[in-house]
Amino acid sequence: QEELAALREIKLSIDGNKTCETKCVPEAYIDYDDFAKVEMKTGRIINCRKAEGSKKLLISDVEVGGEVRQILSGIAKWYRPEDLIGKTVVIVSNLKPKQMMGHESNGMILCAESGDELRVLTVDGVLPSGAGVS
């Protein structure tokens, strides 16, 4: 938990074009073994809708290697549901399920952000859903 808090603090301290090299401190580093616990895969968004009663959440049905997962993401400010359908995205597939706004989320769609901008991480080219990300 302390390592996650340190990483969040560093993330908040990086702004604009400053590089991590000027902000990262050894105490915030994680071991490769810790990173290896995170399972990332490609997934294809087959359906997406706004979460009723929320201004931030979108509910995506993501096909991951033949399995369909429901994943909630706080990205409604940057994306309309119809703009995400058909995109191949990168997800964290081994998170414990989490309840949000009465819906269960089974993973996390990865995004990159800078200032007030946010973009979903997508795959360049054609890969099947469920492909491992390394």
Protein backbone atom coordinates (compact mmCIF):
# COMPACT_ATOMS: atom_id res chain seq x y z
CA GLN A 1 0.00 0.00 0.00
CA GLU A 2 2.84 2.38 0.80
CA GLU A 3 4.39 1.75 -2.61
CA LEU A 4 1.08 2.51 -4.34
CA ALA A 5 0.72 5.73 -2.36
CA ALA A 6 4.24 6.75 -3.36
CA LEU A 7 3.52 6.01 -7.02
CA ARG A 8 0.34 8.07 -6.90
CA GLU A 9 2.25 10.96 -5.33
CA ILE A 10 4.88 10.82 -8.07
CA LYS A 11 2.17 10.62 -10.76
CA LEU A 12 0.59 13.76 -9.32
CA SER A 13 3.94 15.55 -9.25
CA ILE A 14 4.75 14.94 -12.92
CA ASP A 15 3.36 17.67 -15.14
CA GLY A 16 3.70 18.70 -18.74
CA ASN A 17 7.01 17.79 -20.35
CA LYS A 18 8.96 17.02 -17.18
CA THR A 19 10.31 13.51 -17.30
CA CYS A 20 10.08 10.84 -14.66
CA GLU A 21 13.89 10.88 -14.48
CA THR A 22 13.71 14.19 -12.67
CA LYS A 23 10.93 13.14 -10.30
CA CYS A 24 11.22 9.38 -9.59
CA VAL A 25 12.92 8.40 -6.37
CA PRO A 26 14.23 4.92 -5.61
CA GLU A 27 11.70 4.46 -2.80
CA ALA A 28 8.90 4.57 -5.40
CA TYR A 29 10.36 1.81 -7.56
CA ILE A 30 8.73 -1.59 -7.56
CA ASP A 31 10.39 -4.94 -8.15
CA TYR A 32 9.96 -6.69 -11.47
CA ASP A 33 8.19 -9.49 -9.60
CA ASP A 34 5.55 -6.98 -8.43
CA PHE A 35 4.98 -5.77 -11.99
CA ALA A 36 4.83 -9.34 -13.26
CA LYS A 37 1.72 -9.89 -11.12
CA VAL A 38 -0.23 -7.49 -13.36
CA GLU A 39 -1.84 -9.39 -16.23
CA MET A 40 -2.53 -7.20 -19.26
CA LYS A 41 -4.37 -8.36 -22.37
CA THR A 42 -6.00 -6.92 -25.44
CA GLY A 43 -9.78 -6.66 -25.49
CA ARG A 44 -12.29 -5.55 -28.12
CA ILE A 45 -15.11 -3.29 -26.95
CA ILE A 46 -18.29 -4.81 -28.36
CA ASN A 47 -20.79 -2.59 -26.54
CA CYS A 48 -20.62 0.54 -24.43
CA ARG A 49 -23.18 2.62 -22.56
CA LYS A 50 -23.38 5.30 -19.88
CA ALA A 51 -23.89 4.13 -16.33
CA GLU A 52 -27.30 5.33 -15.21
CA GLY A 53 -27.01 7.97 -12.49
CA SER A 54 -23.33 8.72 -13.16
CA LYS A 55 -21.77 11.55 -15.16
CA LYS A 56 -18.34 9.88 -15.23
CA LEU A 57 -18.80 6.15 -15.72
CA LEU A 58 -19.11 4.18 -18.93
CA ILE A 59 -19.95 0.48 -18.92
CA SER A 60 -18.09 -1.44 -21.62
CA ASP A 61 -18.65 -5.03 -22.65
CA VAL A 62 -15.16 -6.17 -23.60
CA GLU A 63 -14.47 -9.40 -25.45
CA VAL A 64 -11.23 -10.89 -24.13
CA GLY A 65 -10.26 -14.10 -25.89
CA GLY A 66 -13.79 -15.47 -26.26
CA GLU A 67 -14.98 -14.26 -22.84
CA VAL A 68 -17.07 -11.09 -22.45
CA ARG A 69 -16.30 -8.93 -19.42
CA GLN A 70 -18.12 -5.90 -18.11
CA ILE A 71 -15.65 -3.13 -17.27
CA LEU A 72 -16.58 0.24 -15.78
CA SER A 73 -14.36 3.23 -16.52
CA GLY A 74 -14.52 6.87 -15.44
CA ILE A 75 -13.97 8.16 -18.99
CA ALA A 76 -17.34 9.65 -20.00
CA LYS A 77 -15.86 13.17 -20.01
CA TRP A 78 -13.56 12.18 -22.90
CA TYR A 79 -15.52 9.52 -24.81
CA ARG A 80 -19.01 8.92 -26.11
CA PRO A 81 -20.01 5.25 -25.83
CA GLU A 82 -20.46 4.87 -29.60
CA ASP A 83 -16.88 6.08 -30.20
CA LEU A 84 -15.41 3.17 -28.26
CA ILE A 85 -17.31 0.30 -29.88
CA GLY A 86 -14.96 -1.76 -32.04
CA LYS A 87 -11.73 -0.45 -30.49
CA THR A 88 -9.09 -2.92 -29.37
CA VAL A 89 -7.89 -1.69 -25.98
CA VAL A 90 -5.39 -2.77 -23.34
CA ILE A 91 -6.91 -4.03 -20.09
CA VAL A 92 -5.72 -5.26 -16.73
CA SER A 93 -7.42 -8.63 -16.59
CA ASN A 94 -6.55 -9.97 -13.15
CA LEU A 95 -8.05 -7.32 -10.86
CA LYS A 96 -10.53 -8.47 -8.26
CA PRO A 97 -14.11 -7.61 -9.34
CA LYS A 98 -15.36 -4.31 -7.91
CA GLN A 99 -18.90 -2.99 -7.42
CA MET A 100 -19.56 0.55 -8.70
CA MET A 101 -22.94 2.24 -9.03
CA GLY A 102 -24.67 -1.14 -8.67
CA HIS A 103 -22.59 -2.80 -11.42
CA GLU A 104 -19.68 -5.20 -11.19
CA SER A 105 -16.46 -4.24 -12.99
CA ASN A 106 -14.20 -7.11 -14.04
CA GLY A 107 -10.96 -5.44 -15.10
CA MET A 108 -9.58 -2.03 -15.98
CA ILE A 109 -9.22 -0.33 -19.35
CA LEU A 110 -5.84 1.40 -19.37
CA CYS A 111 -5.60 5.08 -20.27
CA ALA A 112 -2.90 7.71 -20.57
CA GLU A 113 -3.46 11.19 -19.22
CA SER A 114 -1.75 14.54 -19.36
CA GLY A 115 -3.27 17.56 -17.72
CA ASP A 116 -6.97 17.53 -18.57
CA GLU A 117 -6.58 15.13 -21.51
CA LEU A 118 -7.15 11.39 -21.34
CA ARG A 119 -6.87 8.73 -24.03
CA VAL A 120 -7.67 5.04 -23.94
CA LEU A 121 -4.68 2.84 -24.80
CA THR A 122 -5.45 1.10 -28.08
CA VAL A 123 -3.54 -1.43 -30.16
CA ASP A 124 -1.87 -0.47 -33.42
CA GLY A 125 -2.65 -2.98 -36.17
CA VAL A 126 -4.75 -6.11 -35.91
CA LEU A 127 -4.40 -8.48 -32.96
CA PRO A 128 -6.96 -10.91 -31.59
CA SER A 129 -8.62 -10.06 -28.32
CA GLY A 130 -7.03 -11.82 -25.40
CA ALA A 131 -3.47 -11.36 -26.70
CA GLY A 132 -0.98 -10.93 -23.87
CA VAL A 133 0.62 -7.53 -23.38
CA SER A 134 4.22 -7.40 -22.23
